Amino acid sequence: MKRDKMKRNKSFGFFLIILSIFVFDLFIFNKADKVSAQIIEKRTEKGKELESSKVFQNRFQEIIALNKARNIVRATAERINGGVEVYRTEVALHRQLGEQHVQDKGDSWIISFFGGTPEEVSIKNIYSIYTVIKINKKTFETQVLYNGKIPSDVLNNR
């Protein structure tokens, strides 16, 4: 009975984490949509759109695509490592990715990150698995380039 209660509490806690990430993403994208719309509405004195609005719009679309890629990559890693019950990715995949995680290869991104058991990642902040996934920018198809023990050169550069 005590185990069942602990299991329910763990499941509910995981649900709350996922829900808060979803709400945060909605808030950020809603706010960015409003900012984008405001910038686009501004015009120069001659009635031309500001050039910066196009740059902003392109960057905004790239951020949305990268966020989608991040979620697909995280789900792929969770699937190939046995599911969320036994595997968690590092916190960076639940937030905005840093430069150390993403390589832009033109038509694709290569995203690398650490992971491990829920206890390792959540409680001890220790990682035992290193994953590198290539994801196509247009189709969002993934290719797992590496998934295994953390290589010593990666561990030394961390």
N, C-alpha and C. Protein backbone atom coordinates (compact mmCIF):
# COMPACT_ATOMS: atom_id res chain seq x y z
N MET A 1 0.82 -1.19 0.00
CA MET A 1 0.00 0.00 0.00
C MET A 1 0.87 1.26 0.00
N LYS A 2 1.94 1.24 0.79
CA LYS A 2 2.83 2.38 0.84
C LYS A 2 3.52 2.57 -0.52
N ARG A 3 3.88 1.46 -1.19
CA ARG A 3 4.51 1.54 -2.52
C ARG A 3 3.55 2.13 -3.53
N ASP A 4 2.27 1.72 -3.48
CA ASP A 4 1.28 2.25 -4.41
C ASP A 4 1.14 3.76 -4.24
N LYS A 5 1.12 4.21 -2.98
CA LYS A 5 0.98 5.64 -2.72
C LYS A 5 2.20 6.39 -3.24
N MET A 6 3.41 5.82 -3.04
CA MET A 6 4.63 6.45 -3.53
C MET A 6 4.60 6.50 -5.06
N LYS A 7 4.13 5.43 -5.68
CA LYS A 7 4.06 5.37 -7.14
C LYS A 7 3.09 6.42 -7.67
N ARG A 8 1.93 6.56 -7.01
CA ARG A 8 0.95 7.57 -7.42
C ARG A 8 1.52 8.97 -7.25
N ASN A 9 2.22 9.21 -6.13
CA ASN A 9 2.81 10.52 -5.89
C ASN A 9 3.87 10.85 -6.95
N LYS A 10 4.66 9.84 -7.33
CA LYS A 10 5.67 10.03 -8.36
C LYS A 10 5.02 10.35 -9.70
N SER A 11 3.96 9.61 -10.03
CA SER A 11 3.25 9.83 -11.29
C SER A 11 2.62 11.21 -11.31
N PHE A 12 2.03 11.61 -10.19
CA PHE A 12 1.40 12.93 -10.12
C PHE A 12 2.46 14.02 -10.22
N GLY A 13 3.60 13.83 -9.58
CA GLY A 13 4.69 14.79 -9.67
C GLY A 13 5.19 14.95 -11.10
N PHE A 14 5.34 13.82 -11.81
CA PHE A 14 5.76 13.86 -13.20
C PHE A 14 4.72 14.59 -14.04
N PHE A 15 3.44 14.33 -13.78
CA PHE A 15 2.35 15.00 -14.50
C PHE A 15 2.44 16.51 -14.30
N LEU A 16 2.70 16.94 -13.06
CA LEU A 16 2.79 18.38 -12.78
C LEU A 16 3.98 19.02 -13.51
N ILE A 17 5.09 18.30 -13.61
CA ILE A 17 6.26 18.82 -14.33
C ILE A 17 5.92 19.01 -15.80
N ILE A 18 5.32 18.00 -16.41
CA ILE A 18 4.95 18.07 -17.83
C ILE A 18 3.95 19.20 -18.06
N LEU A 19 2.97 19.32 -17.17
CA LEU A 19 1.96 20.36 -17.29
C LEU A 19 2.59 21.75 -17.19
N SER A 20 3.51 21.93 -16.26
CA SER A 20 4.14 23.24 -16.09
C SER A 20 5.01 23.59 -17.31
N ILE A 21 5.68 22.61 -17.90
CA ILE A 21 6.46 22.86 -19.12
C ILE A 21 5.54 23.29 -20.25
N PHE A 22 4.42 22.61 -20.39
CA PHE A 22 3.45 22.92 -21.44
C PHE A 22 2.91 24.34 -21.26
N VAL A 23 2.53 24.69 -20.06
CA VAL A 23 1.98 26.03 -19.78
C VAL A 23 3.04 27.09 -20.03
N PHE A 24 4.28 26.83 -19.61
CA PHE A 24 5.37 27.78 -19.83
C PHE A 24 5.59 28.01 -21.32
N ASP A 25 5.63 26.93 -22.12
CA ASP A 25 5.80 27.04 -23.57
C ASP A 25 4.66 27.85 -24.19
N LEU A 26 3.42 27.61 -23.76
CA LEU A 26 2.29 28.36 -24.29
C LEU A 26 2.42 29.84 -23.98
N PHE A 27 2.83 30.16 -22.75
CA PHE A 27 2.99 31.54 -22.33
C PHE A 27 4.06 32.24 -23.17
N ILE A 28 5.20 31.60 -23.35
CA ILE A 28 6.30 32.18 -24.10
C ILE A 28 5.90 32.41 -25.56
N PHE A 29 5.27 31.39 -26.19
CA PHE A 29 4.91 31.54 -27.60
C PHE A 29 3.80 32.57 -27.78
N ASN A 30 2.86 32.65 -26.86
CA ASN A 30 1.79 33.64 -26.95
C ASN A 30 2.38 35.05 -26.85
N LYS A 31 3.29 35.23 -25.90
CA LYS A 31 3.94 36.54 -25.73
C LYS A 31 4.76 36.88 -26.97
N ALA A 32 5.50 35.91 -27.52
CA ALA A 32 6.32 36.15 -28.70
C ALA A 32 5.45 36.48 -29.90
N ASP A 33 4.28 35.84 -30.05
CA ASP A 33 3.35 36.15 -31.13
C ASP A 33 2.91 37.61 -31.05
N LYS A 34 2.60 38.09 -29.84
CA LYS A 34 2.16 39.47 -29.67
C LYS A 34 3.28 40.45 -30.02
N VAL A 35 4.49 40.15 -29.57
CA VAL A 35 5.63 41.01 -29.86
C VAL A 35 5.88 41.03 -31.36
N SER A 36 5.84 39.86 -31.99
CA SER A 36 6.04 39.77 -33.43
C SER A 36 5.00 40.59 -34.17
N ALA A 37 3.75 40.49 -33.78
CA ALA A 37 2.67 41.24 -34.43
C ALA A 37 2.88 42.74 -34.26
N GLN A 38 3.33 43.17 -33.08
CA GLN A 38 3.56 44.59 -32.84
C GLN A 38 4.68 45.13 -33.72
N ILE A 39 5.75 44.36 -33.86
CA ILE A 39 6.87 44.80 -34.68
C ILE A 39 6.47 44.87 -36.15
N ILE A 40 5.72 43.88 -36.61
CA ILE A 40 5.30 43.86 -38.02
C ILE A 40 4.39 45.05 -38.32
N GLU A 41 3.59 45.47 -37.35
CA GLU A 41 2.67 46.58 -37.56
C GLU A 41 3.39 47.92 -37.72
N LYS A 42 4.56 48.00 -37.10
CA LYS A 42 5.33 49.24 -37.22
C LYS A 42 5.84 49.38 -38.65
N ARG A 43 5.80 50.55 -39.15
CA ARG A 43 6.28 50.80 -40.51
C ARG A 43 7.21 52.02 -40.49
N THR A 44 8.07 52.05 -41.46
CA THR A 44 8.94 53.22 -41.57
C THR A 44 8.13 54.40 -42.07
N GLU A 45 8.72 55.56 -42.13
CA GLU A 45 8.00 56.76 -42.55
C GLU A 45 7.47 56.63 -43.97
N LYS A 46 8.13 55.87 -44.82
CA LYS A 46 7.71 55.72 -46.21
C LYS A 46 6.70 54.58 -46.37
N GLY A 47 6.32 53.97 -45.28
CA GLY A 47 5.30 52.93 -45.34
C GLY A 47 5.85 51.52 -45.57
N LYS A 48 7.15 51.38 -45.58
CA LYS A 48 7.75 50.05 -45.77
C LYS A 48 7.88 49.37 -44.41
N GLU A 49 7.76 48.04 -44.42
CA GLU A 49 7.96 47.31 -43.16
C GLU A 49 9.40 47.43 -42.72
N LEU A 50 9.58 47.47 -41.45
CA LEU A 50 10.93 47.51 -40.92
C LEU A 50 11.66 46.22 -41.29
N GLU A 51 12.87 46.38 -41.74
CA GLU A 51 13.67 45.20 -42.11
C GLU A 51 13.90 44.30 -40.90
N SER A 52 14.01 44.91 -39.74
CA SER A 52 14.26 44.12 -38.54
C SER A 52 13.08 43.19 -38.22
N SER A 53 11.87 43.55 -38.65
CA SER A 53 10.73 42.68 -38.38
C SER A 53 10.85 41.36 -39.13
N LYS A 54 11.41 41.40 -40.34
CA LYS A 54 11.61 40.17 -41.11
C LYS A 54 12.67 39.30 -40.45
N VAL A 55 13.73 39.94 -39.98
CA VAL A 55 14.78 39.22 -39.28
C VAL A 55 14.20 38.59 -38.01
N PHE A 56 13.42 39.37 -37.27
CA PHE A 56 12.80 38.86 -36.06
C PHE A 56 11.87 37.69 -36.37
N GLN A 57 11.07 37.83 -37.43
CA GLN A 57 10.13 36.78 -37.80
C GLN A 57 10.86 35.49 -38.16
N ASN A 58 11.95 35.60 -38.93
CA ASN A 58 12.74 34.43 -39.29
C ASN A 58 13.35 33.78 -38.06
N ARG A 59 13.88 34.59 -37.17
CA ARG A 59 14.48 34.05 -35.93
C ARG A 59 13.41 33.40 -35.06
N PHE A 60 12.24 34.01 -35.01
CA PHE A 60 11.14 33.46 -34.22
C PHE A 60 10.73 32.10 -34.78
N GLN A 61 10.62 31.97 -36.09
CA GLN A 61 10.26 30.69 -36.71
C GLN A 61 11.32 29.63 -36.43
N GLU A 62 12.59 30.05 -36.42
CA GLU A 62 13.67 29.11 -36.12
C GLU A 62 13.59 28.63 -34.67
N ILE A 63 13.25 29.54 -33.76
CA ILE A 63 13.11 29.16 -32.34
C ILE A 63 11.97 28.17 -32.17
N ILE A 64 10.86 28.40 -32.85
CA ILE A 64 9.73 27.46 -32.78
C ILE A 64 10.15 26.09 -33.31
N ALA A 65 10.84 26.07 -34.46
CA ALA A 65 11.28 24.80 -35.05
C ALA A 65 12.27 24.08 -34.14
N LEU A 66 13.19 24.83 -33.54
CA LEU A 66 14.17 24.22 -32.64
C LEU A 66 13.49 23.67 -31.38
N ASN A 67 12.47 24.36 -30.90
CA ASN A 67 11.73 23.87 -29.74
C ASN A 67 11.01 22.56 -30.08
N LYS A 68 10.43 22.50 -31.27
CA LYS A 68 9.78 21.26 -31.72
C LYS A 68 10.82 20.15 -31.83
N ALA A 69 11.97 20.46 -32.41
CA ALA A 69 13.05 19.48 -32.56
C ALA A 69 13.51 18.98 -31.19
N ARG A 70 13.64 19.89 -30.25
CA ARG A 70 14.06 19.52 -28.89
C ARG A 70 13.10 18.52 -28.27
N ASN A 71 11.79 18.77 -28.43
CA ASN A 71 10.79 17.86 -27.87
C ASN A 71 10.82 16.50 -28.56
N ILE A 72 11.00 16.48 -29.88
CA ILE A 72 11.07 15.22 -30.62
C ILE A 72 12.32 14.43 -30.22
N VAL A 73 13.45 15.14 -30.08
CA VAL A 73 14.70 14.49 -29.68
C VAL A 73 14.58 13.91 -28.28
N ARG A 74 13.98 14.67 -27.37
CA ARG A 74 13.80 14.17 -26.00
C ARG A 74 12.94 12.93 -26.00
N ALA A 75 11.83 12.95 -26.74
CA ALA A 75 10.93 11.79 -26.81
C ALA A 75 11.65 10.59 -27.43
N THR A 76 12.47 10.83 -28.44
CA THR A 76 13.23 9.75 -29.08
C THR A 76 14.19 9.13 -28.07
N ALA A 77 14.91 9.96 -27.34
CA ALA A 77 15.85 9.45 -26.34
C ALA A 77 15.12 8.66 -25.25
N GLU A 78 13.98 9.16 -24.81
CA GLU A 78 13.22 8.44 -23.78
C GLU A 78 12.76 7.08 -24.32
N ARG A 79 12.34 7.05 -25.58
CA ARG A 79 11.87 5.79 -26.18
C ARG A 79 13.00 4.78 -26.30
N ILE A 80 14.15 5.20 -26.83
CA ILE A 80 15.24 4.24 -27.06
C ILE A 80 15.92 3.79 -25.77
N ASN A 81 15.70 4.54 -24.69
CA ASN A 81 16.31 4.18 -23.41
C ASN A 81 15.33 3.55 -22.43
N GLY A 82 14.15 3.15 -22.89
CA GLY A 82 13.24 2.38 -22.05
C GLY A 82 12.06 3.13 -21.48
N GLY A 83 11.89 4.39 -21.81
CA GLY A 83 10.74 5.14 -21.31
C GLY A 83 11.06 6.02 -20.12
N VAL A 84 10.11 6.91 -19.80
CA VAL A 84 10.34 7.88 -18.72
C VAL A 84 10.38 7.24 -17.34
N GLU A 85 9.90 6.02 -17.23
CA GLU A 85 9.94 5.35 -15.93
C GLU A 85 11.37 4.99 -15.54
N VAL A 86 12.25 4.78 -16.54
CA VAL A 86 13.61 4.34 -16.26
C VAL A 86 14.68 5.29 -16.79
N TYR A 87 14.28 6.32 -17.53
CA TYR A 87 15.25 7.23 -18.16
C TYR A 87 14.75 8.67 -18.13
N ARG A 88 15.66 9.59 -17.86
CA ARG A 88 15.36 11.02 -17.92
C ARG A 88 16.51 11.72 -18.65
N THR A 89 16.16 12.75 -19.40
CA THR A 89 17.19 13.57 -20.03
C THR A 89 17.61 14.67 -19.06
N GLU A 90 18.73 15.28 -19.36
CA GLU A 90 19.17 16.39 -18.52
C GLU A 90 18.18 17.55 -18.61
N VAL A 91 18.21 18.41 -17.65
CA VAL A 91 17.26 19.50 -17.53
C VAL A 91 17.29 20.42 -18.75
N ALA A 92 18.43 20.54 -19.41
CA ALA A 92 18.54 21.43 -20.57
C ALA A 92 17.54 21.10 -21.67
N LEU A 93 17.14 19.86 -21.78
CA LEU A 93 16.17 19.49 -22.81
C LEU A 93 14.74 19.84 -22.40
N HIS A 94 14.56 20.33 -21.20
CA HIS A 94 13.24 20.77 -20.75
C HIS A 94 13.16 22.30 -20.74
N ARG A 95 14.22 22.93 -21.16
CA ARG A 95 14.30 24.40 -21.22
C ARG A 95 14.89 24.77 -22.56
N GLN A 96 15.28 26.03 -22.69
CA GLN A 96 15.93 26.46 -23.93
C GLN A 96 17.31 25.82 -24.02
N LEU A 97 17.63 25.29 -25.20
CA LEU A 97 18.91 24.62 -25.39
C LEU A 97 20.04 25.64 -25.51
N GLY A 98 21.16 25.31 -24.92
CA GLY A 98 22.34 26.16 -25.03
C GLY A 98 23.16 25.79 -26.25
N GLU A 99 24.13 26.63 -26.58
CA GLU A 99 24.97 26.38 -27.74
C GLU A 99 25.74 25.07 -27.63
N GLN A 100 26.06 24.64 -26.42
CA GLN A 100 26.83 23.43 -26.24
C GLN A 100 26.02 22.18 -26.62
N HIS A 101 24.72 22.32 -26.76
CA HIS A 101 23.87 21.17 -27.08
C HIS A 101 23.52 21.06 -28.56
N VAL A 102 23.59 22.15 -29.30
CA VAL A 102 23.09 22.17 -30.67
C VAL A 102 24.18 22.58 -31.65
N GLN A 103 24.30 21.78 -32.73
CA GLN A 103 25.16 22.14 -33.85
C GLN A 103 24.26 22.33 -35.07
N ASP A 104 24.34 23.48 -35.70
CA ASP A 104 23.54 23.75 -36.89
C ASP A 104 24.31 23.25 -38.10
N LYS A 105 23.73 22.29 -38.81
CA LYS A 105 24.38 21.70 -39.98
C LYS A 105 23.67 22.07 -41.28
N GLY A 106 23.01 23.22 -41.30
CA GLY A 106 22.32 23.67 -42.51
C GLY A 106 20.91 23.11 -42.60
N ASP A 107 20.79 21.90 -43.12
CA ASP A 107 19.46 21.29 -43.27
C ASP A 107 19.04 20.48 -42.05
N SER A 108 19.92 20.39 -41.06
CA SER A 108 19.61 19.62 -39.85
C SER A 108 20.33 20.20 -38.65
N TRP A 109 19.90 19.74 -37.48
CA TRP A 109 20.59 20.06 -36.24
C TRP A 109 21.12 18.76 -35.66
N ILE A 110 22.24 18.84 -35.00
CA ILE A 110 22.74 17.71 -34.21
C ILE A 110 22.65 18.15 -32.76
N ILE A 111 21.86 17.41 -32.00
CA ILE A 111 21.62 17.77 -30.60
C ILE A 111 22.23 16.68 -29.72
N SER A 112 23.09 17.09 -28.80
CA SER A 112 23.74 16.14 -27.89
C SER A 112 23.40 16.51 -26.46
N PHE A 113 23.24 15.48 -25.63
CA PHE A 113 22.82 15.72 -24.25
C PHE A 113 23.08 14.49 -23.40
N PHE A 114 22.98 14.68 -22.09
CA PHE A 114 23.18 13.62 -21.12
C PHE A 114 21.84 13.13 -20.60
N GLY A 115 21.85 11.94 -20.02
CA GLY A 115 20.65 11.38 -19.41
C GLY A 115 21.05 10.31 -18.42
N GLY A 116 20.04 9.70 -17.81
CA GLY A 116 20.29 8.63 -16.86
C GLY A 116 19.00 8.21 -16.20
N THR A 117 19.12 7.49 -15.12
CA THR A 117 17.93 7.05 -14.40
C THR A 117 17.27 8.25 -13.75
N PRO A 118 15.97 8.16 -13.45
CA PRO A 118 15.30 9.29 -12.79
C PRO A 118 15.99 9.71 -11.48
N GLU A 119 16.46 8.74 -10.72
CA GLU A 119 17.13 9.05 -9.46
C GLU A 119 18.44 9.78 -9.69
N GLU A 120 19.21 9.32 -10.69
CA GLU A 120 20.48 9.98 -10.99
C GLU A 120 20.27 11.42 -11.41
N VAL A 121 19.36 11.61 -12.35
CA VAL A 121 19.17 12.93 -12.94
C VAL A 121 18.45 13.89 -12.00
N SER A 122 17.35 13.45 -11.42
CA SER A 122 16.52 14.33 -10.60
C SER A 122 17.11 14.63 -9.24
N ILE A 123 17.63 13.63 -8.59
CA ILE A 123 18.06 13.80 -7.21
C ILE A 123 19.56 14.12 -7.10
N LYS A 124 20.37 13.33 -7.80
CA LYS A 124 21.82 13.47 -7.65
C LYS A 124 22.48 14.33 -8.72
N ASN A 125 21.73 14.67 -9.79
CA ASN A 125 22.27 15.44 -10.91
C ASN A 125 23.51 14.76 -11.50
N ILE A 126 23.41 13.44 -11.64
CA ILE A 126 24.47 12.61 -12.20
C ILE A 126 23.94 12.00 -13.49
N TYR A 127 24.82 11.89 -14.49
CA TYR A 127 24.40 11.32 -15.77
C TYR A 127 25.24 10.10 -16.11
N SER A 128 24.63 9.11 -16.78
CA SER A 128 25.35 7.90 -17.14
C SER A 128 25.25 7.60 -18.63
N ILE A 129 24.41 8.32 -19.36
CA ILE A 129 24.20 8.06 -20.78
C ILE A 129 24.40 9.36 -21.56
N TYR A 130 25.06 9.23 -22.70
CA TYR A 130 25.27 10.36 -23.61
C TYR A 130 24.58 10.03 -24.93
N THR A 131 23.78 10.96 -25.43
CA THR A 131 23.01 10.73 -26.65
C THR A 131 23.27 11.86 -27.64
N VAL A 132 23.44 11.48 -28.90
CA VAL A 132 23.61 12.44 -29.98
C VAL A 132 22.60 12.06 -31.07
N ILE A 133 21.71 13.00 -31.39
CA ILE A 133 20.66 12.75 -32.37
C ILE A 133 20.68 13.85 -33.42
N LYS A 134 20.62 13.42 -34.68
CA LYS A 134 20.51 14.35 -35.81
C LYS A 134 19.04 14.46 -36.18
N ILE A 135 18.54 15.70 -36.37
CA ILE A 135 17.14 15.89 -36.72
C ILE A 135 17.03 16.85 -37.91
N ASN A 136 16.28 16.43 -38.91
CA ASN A 136 16.08 17.22 -40.12
C ASN A 136 15.21 18.43 -39.80
N LYS A 137 15.60 19.62 -40.27
CA LYS A 137 14.87 20.85 -39.95
C LYS A 137 13.49 20.93 -40.61
N LYS A 138 13.33 20.28 -41.76
CA LYS A 138 12.05 20.37 -42.47
C LYS A 138 11.12 19.20 -42.14
N THR A 139 11.66 18.00 -42.11
CA THR A 139 10.81 16.81 -41.90
C THR A 139 10.76 16.36 -40.45
N PHE A 140 11.71 16.82 -39.65
CA PHE A 140 11.84 16.44 -38.24
C PHE A 140 12.07 14.94 -38.06
N GLU A 141 12.63 14.30 -39.09
CA GLU A 141 13.03 12.90 -38.97
C GLU A 141 14.32 12.85 -38.15
N THR A 142 14.41 11.83 -37.30
CA THR A 142 15.58 11.72 -36.43
C THR A 142 16.47 10.56 -36.83
N GLN A 143 17.75 10.72 -36.52
CA GLN A 143 18.74 9.65 -36.70
C GLN A 143 19.61 9.65 -35.46
N VAL A 144 19.61 8.54 -34.74
CA VAL A 144 20.43 8.42 -33.53
C VAL A 144 21.86 8.15 -33.96
N LEU A 145 22.75 9.09 -33.65
CA LEU A 145 24.16 8.94 -34.01
C LEU A 145 24.95 8.23 -32.92
N TYR A 146 24.55 8.44 -31.67
CA TYR A 146 25.21 7.77 -30.55
C TYR A 146 24.25 7.74 -29.37
N ASN A 147 24.26 6.63 -28.67
CA ASN A 147 23.48 6.51 -27.43
C ASN A 147 24.15 5.45 -26.58
N GLY A 148 24.88 5.88 -25.57
CA GLY A 148 25.59 4.91 -24.74
C GLY A 148 26.34 5.59 -23.62
N LYS A 149 27.33 4.86 -23.13
CA LYS A 149 28.17 5.35 -22.04
C LYS A 149 28.83 6.67 -22.46
N ILE A 150 28.98 7.57 -21.50
CA ILE A 150 29.56 8.88 -21.80
C ILE A 150 31.03 8.71 -22.17
N PRO A 151 31.41 9.12 -23.40
CA PRO A 151 32.83 9.01 -23.81
C PRO A 151 33.72 9.90 -22.94
N SER A 152 34.94 9.45 -22.71
CA SER A 152 35.83 10.19 -21.82
C SER A 152 36.15 11.58 -22.34
N ASP A 153 36.25 11.78 -23.67
CA ASP A 153 36.54 13.11 -24.19
C ASP A 153 35.37 14.07 -23.94
N VAL A 154 34.16 13.57 -23.98
CA VAL A 154 32.99 14.40 -23.69
C VAL A 154 32.96 14.72 -22.20
N LEU A 155 33.24 13.73 -21.38
CA LEU A 155 33.24 13.91 -19.93
C LEU A 155 34.30 14.92 -19.51
N ASN A 156 35.47 14.88 -20.16
CA ASN A 156 36.56 15.80 -19.81
C ASN A 156 36.28 17.23 -20.26
N ASN A 157 35.47 17.41 -21.30
CA ASN A 157 35.17 18.75 -21.81
C ASN A 157 33.94 19.36 -21.17
N ARG A 158 33.34 18.67 -20.26
CA ARG A 158 32.12 19.16 -19.63
C ARG A 158 32.41 20.15 -18.53
